[in-house]
């Protein structure tokens, strides 16, 4: 039989959106400083009707990633 690998991990468990959508959202919001309301409106054109609470979940993940990076730096350089 055919053996297939598992799909990529979801940023938010049980979400239908893949990592590429979240990467685009983060770029639009933080790199290009695009307001969330305008971003959500443009995503509707692609058939993605998202609630602002989903964006907040992404922001929580971003903060967690940043905190983990800081903790790793502290572990590597404890005298800093």
PDB file of N, CA and C in Angstrom:
ATOM      1  N   UNK A   1       0.800  -1.172   0.000  1.00  0.00           N
ATOM      2  CA  UNK A   1       0.000   0.000   0.000  1.00  0.00           C
ATOM      3  C   UNK A   1       0.858   1.256   0.000  1.00  0.00           C
ATOM      4  N   UNK A   2       0.213   2.347  -0.173  1.00  0.00           N
ATOM      5  CA  UNK A   2       0.880   3.650  -0.184  1.00  0.00           C
ATOM      6  C   UNK A   2       0.939   4.178   1.239  1.00  0.00           C
ATOM      7  N   UNK A   3       2.125   4.598   1.625  1.00  0.00           N
ATOM      8  CA  UNK A   3       2.317   5.206   2.943  1.00  0.00           C
ATOM      9  C   UNK A   3       2.582   6.689   2.728  1.00  0.00           C
ATOM     10  N   UNK A   4       1.790   7.520   3.374  1.00  0.00           N
ATOM     11  CA  UNK A   4       1.941   8.971   3.228  1.00  0.00           C
ATOM     12  C   UNK A   4       2.351   9.577   4.567  1.00  0.00           C
ATOM     13  N   UNK A   5       3.192  10.577   4.495  1.00  0.00           N
ATOM     14  CA  UNK A   5       3.612  11.289   5.706  1.00  0.00           C
ATOM     15  C   UNK A   5       2.462  12.160   6.202  1.00  0.00           C
ATOM     16  N   UNK A   6       2.501  12.481   7.479  1.00  0.00           N
ATOM     17  CA  UNK A   6       1.513  13.399   8.039  1.00  0.00           C
ATOM     18  C   UNK A   6       1.693  14.772   7.399  1.00  0.00           C
ATOM     19  N   UNK A   7       0.610  15.511   7.357  1.00  0.00           N
ATOM     20  CA  UNK A   7       0.669  16.873   6.833  1.00  0.00           C
ATOM     21  C   UNK A   7       1.424  17.775   7.798  1.00  0.00           C
ATOM     22  N   UNK A   8       1.728  18.984   7.378  1.00  0.00           N
ATOM     23  CA  UNK A   8       2.446  19.898   8.255  1.00  0.00           C
ATOM     24  C   UNK A   8       1.614  20.250   9.483  1.00  0.00           C
ATOM     25  N   UNK A   9       2.288  20.544  10.565  1.00  0.00           N
ATOM     26  CA  UNK A   9       1.607  20.906  11.812  1.00  0.00           C
ATOM     27  C   UNK A   9       0.841  22.208  11.618  1.00  0.00           C
ATOM     28  N   UNK A  10      -0.274  22.322  12.283  1.00  0.00           N
ATOM     29  CA  UNK A  10      -1.082  23.538  12.226  1.00  0.00           C
ATOM     30  C   UNK A  10      -0.615  24.502  13.305  1.00  0.00           C
ATOM     31  N   UNK A  11      -0.599  25.776  12.977  1.00  0.00           N
ATOM     32  CA  UNK A  11      -0.221  26.781  13.953  1.00  0.00           C
ATOM     33  C   UNK A  11      -1.245  26.833  15.077  1.00  0.00           C
ATOM     34  N   UNK A  12      -2.503  26.759  14.699  1.00  0.00           N
ATOM     35  CA  UNK A  12      -3.591  26.670  15.672  1.00  0.00           C
ATOM     36  C   UNK A  12      -4.253  25.324  15.442  1.00  0.00           C
ATOM     37  N   UNK A  13      -4.208  24.413  16.439  1.00  0.00           N
ATOM     38  CA  UNK A  13      -4.765  23.075  16.264  1.00  0.00           C
ATOM     39  C   UNK A  13      -6.222  23.104  15.792  1.00  0.00           C
ATOM     40  N   UNK A  14      -6.562  22.175  14.926  1.00  0.00           N
ATOM     41  CA  UNK A  14      -7.905  22.006  14.374  1.00  0.00           C
ATOM     42  C   UNK A  14      -8.335  23.152  13.463  1.00  0.00           C
ATOM     43  N   UNK A  15      -7.404  24.016  13.098  1.00  0.00           N
ATOM     44  CA  UNK A  15      -7.709  25.099  12.174  1.00  0.00           C
ATOM     45  C   UNK A  15      -7.598  24.570  10.752  1.00  0.00           C
ATOM     46  N   UNK A  16      -8.402  25.094   9.863  1.00  0.00           N
ATOM     47  CA  UNK A  16      -8.305  24.663   8.474  1.00  0.00           C
ATOM     48  C   UNK A  16      -7.229  25.435   7.718  1.00  0.00           C
ATOM     49  N   UNK A  17      -6.679  26.464   8.342  1.00  0.00           N
ATOM     50  CA  UNK A  17      -5.685  27.307   7.685  1.00  0.00           C
ATOM     51  C   UNK A  17      -4.278  26.786   7.927  1.00  0.00           C
ATOM     52  N   UNK A  18      -3.495  26.752   6.881  1.00  0.00           N
ATOM     53  CA  UNK A  18      -2.120  26.285   6.977  1.00  0.00           C
ATOM     54  C   UNK A  18      -1.165  27.391   7.395  1.00  0.00           C
ATOM     55  N   UNK A  19       0.072  27.015   7.547  1.00  0.00           N
ATOM     56  CA  UNK A  19       1.103  27.933   8.020  1.00  0.00           C
ATOM     57  C   UNK A  19       1.330  29.089   7.052  1.00  0.00           C
ATOM     58  N   UNK A  20       1.125  28.863   5.748  1.00  0.00           N
ATOM     59  CA  UNK A  20       1.366  29.931   4.774  1.00  0.00           C
ATOM     60  C   UNK A  20       0.380  31.086   4.955  1.00  0.00           C
ATOM     61  N   UNK A  21      -0.859  30.776   5.326  1.00  0.00           N
ATOM     62  CA  UNK A  21      -1.841  31.839   5.571  1.00  0.00           C
ATOM     63  C   UNK A  21      -1.418  32.660   6.783  1.00  0.00           C
ATOM     64  N   UNK A  22      -0.967  31.979   7.823  1.00  0.00           N
ATOM     65  CA  UNK A  22      -0.547  32.702   9.028  1.00  0.00           C
ATOM     66  C   UNK A  22       0.700  33.526   8.759  1.00  0.00           C
ATOM     67  N   UNK A  23       1.609  33.006   7.945  1.00  0.00           N
ATOM     68  CA  UNK A  23       2.809  33.773   7.590  1.00  0.00           C
ATOM     69  C   UNK A  23       2.410  35.050   6.851  1.00  0.00           C
ATOM     70  N   UNK A  24       1.457  34.930   5.933  1.00  0.00           N
ATOM     71  CA  UNK A  24       0.985  36.097   5.197  1.00  0.00           C
ATOM     72  C   UNK A  24       0.330  37.113   6.128  1.00  0.00           C
ATOM     73  N   UNK A  25      -0.473  36.625   7.075  1.00  0.00           N
ATOM     74  CA  UNK A  25      -1.133  37.524   8.029  1.00  0.00           C
ATOM     75  C   UNK A  25      -0.096  38.271   8.863  1.00  0.00           C
ATOM     76  N   UNK A  26       0.909  37.556   9.355  1.00  0.00           N
ATOM     77  CA  UNK A  26       1.944  38.200  10.165  1.00  0.00           C
ATOM     78  C   UNK A  26       2.723  39.228   9.355  1.00  0.00           C
ATOM     79  N   UNK A  27       3.050  38.896   8.115  1.00  0.00           N
ATOM     80  CA  UNK A  27       3.754  39.862   7.263  1.00  0.00           C
ATOM     81  C   UNK A  27       2.907  41.106   7.030  1.00  0.00           C
ATOM     82  N   UNK A  28       1.656  40.904   6.665  1.00  0.00           N
ATOM     83  CA  UNK A  28       0.771  42.040   6.403  1.00  0.00           C
ATOM     84  C   UNK A  28       0.613  42.929   7.635  1.00  0.00           C
ATOM     85  N   UNK A  29       0.445  42.306   8.788  1.00  0.00           N
ATOM     86  CA  UNK A  29       0.195  43.079  10.004  1.00  0.00           C
ATOM     87  C   UNK A  29       1.450  43.754  10.544  1.00  0.00           C
ATOM     88  N   UNK A  30       2.538  43.003  10.659  1.00  0.00           N
ATOM     89  CA  UNK A  30       3.712  43.544  11.349  1.00  0.00           C
ATOM     90  C   UNK A  30       4.762  44.145  10.425  1.00  0.00           C
ATOM     91  N   UNK A  31       4.932  43.622   9.231  1.00  0.00           N
ATOM     92  CA  UNK A  31       5.923  44.184   8.324  1.00  0.00           C
ATOM     93  C   UNK A  31       5.348  45.363   7.538  1.00  0.00           C
ATOM     94  N   UNK A  32       4.125  45.174   7.008  1.00  0.00           N
ATOM     95  CA  UNK A  32       3.522  46.204   6.178  1.00  0.00           C
ATOM     96  C   UNK A  32       2.562  47.118   6.943  1.00  0.00           C
ATOM     97  N   UNK A  33       2.378  46.855   8.247  1.00  0.00           N
ATOM     98  CA  UNK A  33       1.551  47.696   9.127  1.00  0.00           C
ATOM     99  C   UNK A  33       0.125  47.865   8.603  1.00  0.00           C
ATOM    100  N   UNK A  34      -0.423  46.807   8.049  1.00  0.00           N
ATOM    101  CA  UNK A  34      -1.782  46.846   7.505  1.00  0.00           C
ATOM    102  C   UNK A  34      -2.794  46.650   8.626  1.00  0.00           C
ATOM    103  N   UNK A  35      -3.791  47.511   8.740  1.00  0.00           N
ATOM    104  CA  UNK A  35      -4.806  47.356   9.791  1.00  0.00           C
ATOM    105  C   UNK A  35      -5.541  46.018   9.664  1.00  0.00           C
ATOM    106  N   UNK A  36      -5.866  45.440  10.805  1.00  0.00           N
ATOM    107  CA  UNK A  36      -6.509  44.124  10.831  1.00  0.00           C
ATOM    108  C   UNK A  36      -7.836  44.134  10.075  1.00  0.00           C
ATOM    109  N   UNK A  37      -8.630  45.175  10.245  1.00  0.00           N
ATOM    110  CA  UNK A  37      -9.934  45.231   9.578  1.00  0.00           C
ATOM    111  C   UNK A  37      -9.757  45.177   8.058  1.00  0.00           C
ATOM    112  N   UNK A  38      -8.784  45.902   7.531  1.00  0.00           N
ATOM    113  CA  UNK A  38      -8.546  45.900   6.088  1.00  0.00           C
ATOM    114  C   UNK A  38      -8.015  44.543   5.626  1.00  0.00           C
ATOM    115  N   UNK A  39      -7.155  43.954   6.439  1.00  0.00           N
ATOM    116  CA  UNK A  39      -6.613  42.632   6.118  1.00  0.00           C
ATOM    117  C   UNK A  39      -7.723  41.586   6.063  1.00  0.00           C
ATOM    118  N   UNK A  40      -8.605  41.586   7.056  1.00  0.00           N
ATOM    119  CA  UNK A  40      -9.710  40.621   7.089  1.00  0.00           C
ATOM    120  C   UNK A  40     -10.658  40.822   5.916  1.00  0.00           C
ATOM    121  N   UNK A  41     -10.869  42.078   5.534  1.00  0.00           N
ATOM    122  CA  UNK A  41     -11.741  42.368   4.396  1.00  0.00           C
ATOM    123  C   UNK A  41     -11.146  41.822   3.099  1.00  0.00           C
ATOM    124  N   UNK A  42      -9.838  41.959   2.925  1.00  0.00           N
ATOM    125  CA  UNK A  42      -9.213  41.446   1.701  1.00  0.00           C
ATOM    126  C   UNK A  42      -9.186  39.914   1.678  1.00  0.00           C
ATOM    127  N   UNK A  43      -9.086  39.282   2.850  1.00  0.00           N
ATOM    128  CA  UNK A  43      -9.098  37.819   2.899  1.00  0.00           C
ATOM    129  C   UNK A  43     -10.453  37.240   2.490  1.00  0.00           C
ATOM    130  N   UNK A  44     -11.523  38.017   2.682  1.00  0.00           N
ATOM    131  CA  UNK A  44     -12.851  37.571   2.245  1.00  0.00           C
ATOM    132  C   UNK A  44     -12.870  37.347   0.735  1.00  0.00           C
ATOM    133  N   UNK A  45     -12.073  38.126   0.012  1.00  0.00           N
ATOM    134  CA  UNK A  45     -11.991  37.953  -1.435  1.00  0.00           C
ATOM    135  C   UNK A  45     -11.420  36.607  -1.838  1.00  0.00           C
ATOM    136  N   UNK A  46     -10.681  35.965  -0.929  1.00  0.00           N
ATOM    137  CA  UNK A  46     -10.121  34.638  -1.168  1.00  0.00           C
ATOM    138  C   UNK A  46     -10.988  33.542  -0.555  1.00  0.00           C
ATOM    139  N   UNK A  47     -12.149  33.929  -0.027  1.00  0.00           N
ATOM    140  CA  UNK A  47     -13.047  32.948   0.572  1.00  0.00           C
ATOM    141  C   UNK A  47     -12.725  32.633   2.027  1.00  0.00           C
ATOM    142  N   UNK A  48     -11.882  33.439   2.650  1.00  0.00           N
ATOM    143  CA  UNK A  48     -11.527  33.228   4.056  1.00  0.00           C
ATOM    144  C   UNK A  48     -12.237  34.270   4.907  1.00  0.00           C
ATOM    145  N   UNK A  49     -13.362  33.892   5.454  1.00  0.00           N
ATOM    146  CA  UNK A  49     -14.121  34.790   6.318  1.00  0.00           C
ATOM    147  C   UNK A  49     -13.657  34.542   7.749  1.00  0.00           C
ATOM    148  N   UNK A  50     -12.749  35.373   8.215  1.00  0.00           N
ATOM    149  CA  UNK A  50     -12.131  35.160   9.525  1.00  0.00           C
ATOM    150  C   UNK A  50     -12.616  36.199  10.521  1.00  0.00           C
ATOM    151  N   UNK A  51     -12.620  35.808  11.778  1.00  0.00           N
ATOM    152  CA  UNK A  51     -12.977  36.681  12.872  1.00  0.00           C
ATOM    153  C   UNK A  51     -11.699  37.294  13.442  1.00  0.00           C
ATOM    154  N   UNK A  52     -11.795  38.476  13.996  1.00  0.00           N
ATOM    155  CA  UNK A  52     -10.624  39.140  14.568  1.00  0.00           C
ATOM    156  C   UNK A  52     -10.020  38.325  15.722  1.00  0.00           C
ATOM    157  N   UNK A  53     -10.813  37.486  16.366  1.00  0.00           N
ATOM    158  CA  UNK A  53     -10.284  36.674  17.471  1.00  0.00           C
ATOM    159  C   UNK A  53      -9.233  35.682  16.972  1.00  0.00           C
ATOM    160  N   UNK A  54      -9.345  35.259  15.704  1.00  0.00           N
ATOM    161  CA  UNK A  54      -8.340  34.359  15.139  1.00  0.00           C
ATOM    162  C   UNK A  54      -7.004  35.078  15.027  1.00  0.00           C
ATOM    163  N   UNK A  55      -7.040  36.338  14.642  1.00  0.00           N
ATOM    164  CA  UNK A  55      -5.810  37.133  14.545  1.00  0.00           C
ATOM    165  C   UNK A  55      -5.200  37.282  15.933  1.00  0.00           C
ATOM    166  N   UNK A  56      -6.026  37.455  16.936  1.00  0.00           N
ATOM    167  CA  UNK A  56      -5.505  37.563  18.311  1.00  0.00           C
ATOM    168  C   UNK A  56      -4.804  36.276  18.725  1.00  0.00           C
ATOM    169  N   UNK A  57      -5.345  35.121  18.292  1.00  0.00           N
ATOM    170  CA  UNK A  57      -4.690  33.845  18.581  1.00  0.00           C
ATOM    171  C   UNK A  57      -3.303  33.804  17.958  1.00  0.00           C
ATOM    172  N   UNK A  58      -3.181  34.317  16.735  1.00  0.00           N
ATOM    173  CA  UNK A  58      -1.884  34.367  16.065  1.00  0.00           C
ATOM    174  C   UNK A  58      -0.935  35.272  16.832  1.00  0.00           C
ATOM    175  N   UNK A  59      -1.445  36.390  17.341  1.00  0.00           N
ATOM    176  CA  UNK A  59      -0.606  37.294  18.108  1.00  0.00           C
ATOM    177  C   UNK A  59      -0.101  36.612  19.384  1.00  0.00           C
ATOM    178  N   UNK A  60      -0.947  35.799  20.028  1.00  0.00           N
ATOM    179  CA  UNK A  60      -0.520  35.066  21.220  1.00  0.00           C
ATOM    180  C   UNK A  60       0.594  34.094  20.877  1.00  0.00           C
ATOM    181  N   UNK A  61       0.466  33.436  19.731  1.00  0.00           N
ATOM    182  CA  UNK A  61       1.508  32.510  19.294  1.00  0.00           C
ATOM    183  C   UNK A  61       2.798  33.273  19.046  1.00  0.00           C
ATOM    184  N   UNK A  62       2.708  34.438  18.422  1.00  0.00           N
ATOM    185  CA  UNK A  62       3.883  35.266  18.141  1.00  0.00           C
ATOM    186  C   UNK A  62       4.585  35.652  19.442  1.00  0.00           C
ATOM    187  N   UNK A  63       3.819  36.075  20.429  1.00  0.00           N
ATOM    188  CA  UNK A  63       4.393  36.447  21.721  1.00  0.00           C
ATOM    189  C   UNK A  63       5.065  35.240  22.367  1.00  0.00           C
ATOM    190  N   UNK A  64       4.443  34.066  22.272  1.00  0.00           N
ATOM    191  CA  UNK A  64       5.018  32.845  22.829  1.00  0.00           C
ATOM    192  C   UNK A  64       6.330  32.499  22.140  1.00  0.00           C
ATOM    193  N   UNK A  65       6.367  32.628  20.816  1.00  0.00           N
ATOM    194  CA  UNK A  65       7.597  32.348  20.073  1.00  0.00           C
ATOM    195  C   UNK A  65       8.696  33.301  20.510  1.00  0.00           C
ATOM    196  N   UNK A  66       8.369  34.583  20.647  1.00  0.00           N
ATOM    197  CA  UNK A  66       9.367  35.562  21.075  1.00  0.00           C
ATOM    198  C   UNK A  66       9.857  35.250  22.488  1.00  0.00           C
ATOM    199  N   UNK A  67       8.951  34.876  23.380  1.00  0.00           N
ATOM    200  CA  UNK A  67       9.339  34.544  24.751  1.00  0.00           C
ATOM    201  C   UNK A  67      10.257  33.324  24.757  1.00  0.00           C
ATOM    202  N   UNK A  68       9.949  32.329  23.932  1.00  0.00           N
ATOM    203  CA  UNK A  68      10.801  31.143  23.853  1.00  0.00           C
ATOM    204  C   UNK A  68      12.188  31.499  23.343  1.00  0.00           C
ATOM    205  N   UNK A  69      12.268  32.399  22.372  1.00  0.00           N
ATOM    206  CA  UNK A  69      13.571  32.825  21.854  1.00  0.00           C
ATOM    207  C   UNK A  69      14.379  33.524  22.940  1.00  0.00           C
ATOM    208  N   UNK A  70      13.730  34.389  23.703  1.00  0.00           N
ATOM    209  CA  UNK A  70      14.414  35.099  24.781  1.00  0.00           C
ATOM    210  C   UNK A  70      14.909  34.107  25.827  1.00  0.00           C
ATOM    211  N   UNK A  71      14.082  33.126  26.178  1.00  0.00           N
ATOM    212  CA  UNK A  71      14.486  32.123  27.157  1.00  0.00           C
ATOM    213  C   UNK A  71      15.692  31.333  26.668  1.00  0.00           C
ATOM    214  N   UNK A  72      15.728  30.997  25.375  1.00  0.00           N
ATOM    215  CA  UNK A  72      16.869  30.263  24.832  1.00  0.00           C
ATOM    216  C   UNK A  72      18.133  31.104  24.868  1.00  0.00           C
ATOM    217  N   UNK A  73      18.007  32.395  24.580  1.00  0.00           N
ATOM    218  CA  UNK A  73      19.171  33.283  24.645  1.00  0.00           C
ATOM    219  C   UNK A  73      19.679  33.362  26.070  1.00  0.00           C
ATOM    220  N   UNK A  74      18.781  33.448  27.024  1.00  0.00           N
ATOM    221  CA  UNK A  74      19.178  33.501  28.435  1.00  0.00           C
ATOM    222  C   UNK A  74      19.870  32.212  28.843  1.00  0.00           C
ATOM    223  N   UNK A  75      19.372  31.068  28.340  1.00  0.00           N
ATOM    224  CA  UNK A  75      20.004  29.794  28.657  1.00  0.00           C
ATOM    225  C   UNK A  75      21.420  29.717  28.067  1.00  0.00           C
ATOM    226  N   UNK A  76      21.590  30.234  26.855  1.00  0.00           N
ATOM    227  CA  UNK A  76      22.900  30.188  26.198  1.00  0.00           C
ATOM    228  C   UNK A  76      23.865  31.163  26.856  1.00  0.00           C
ATOM    229  N   UNK A  77      23.377  32.342  27.232  1.00  0.00           N
ATOM    230  CA  UNK A  77      24.220  33.394  27.818  1.00  0.00           C
ATOM    231  C   UNK A  77      23.695  33.770  29.206  1.00  0.00           C
ATOM    232  N   UNK A  78      23.853  32.921  30.206  1.00  0.00           N
ATOM    233  CA  UNK A  78      23.247  33.201  31.520  1.00  0.00           C
ATOM    234  C   UNK A  78      23.817  34.421  32.215  1.00  0.00           C
ATOM    235  N   UNK A  79      25.016  34.871  31.852  1.00  0.00           N
ATOM    236  CA  UNK A  79      25.609  36.032  32.526  1.00  0.00           C
ATOM    237  C   UNK A  79      25.176  37.352  31.924  1.00  0.00           C
ATOM    238  N   UNK A  80      24.395  37.325  30.859  1.00  0.00           N
ATOM    239  CA  UNK A  80      23.979  38.563  30.180  1.00  0.00           C
ATOM    240  C   UNK A  80      22.999  39.332  31.017  1.00  0.00           C
TER     241      UNK A  80
END
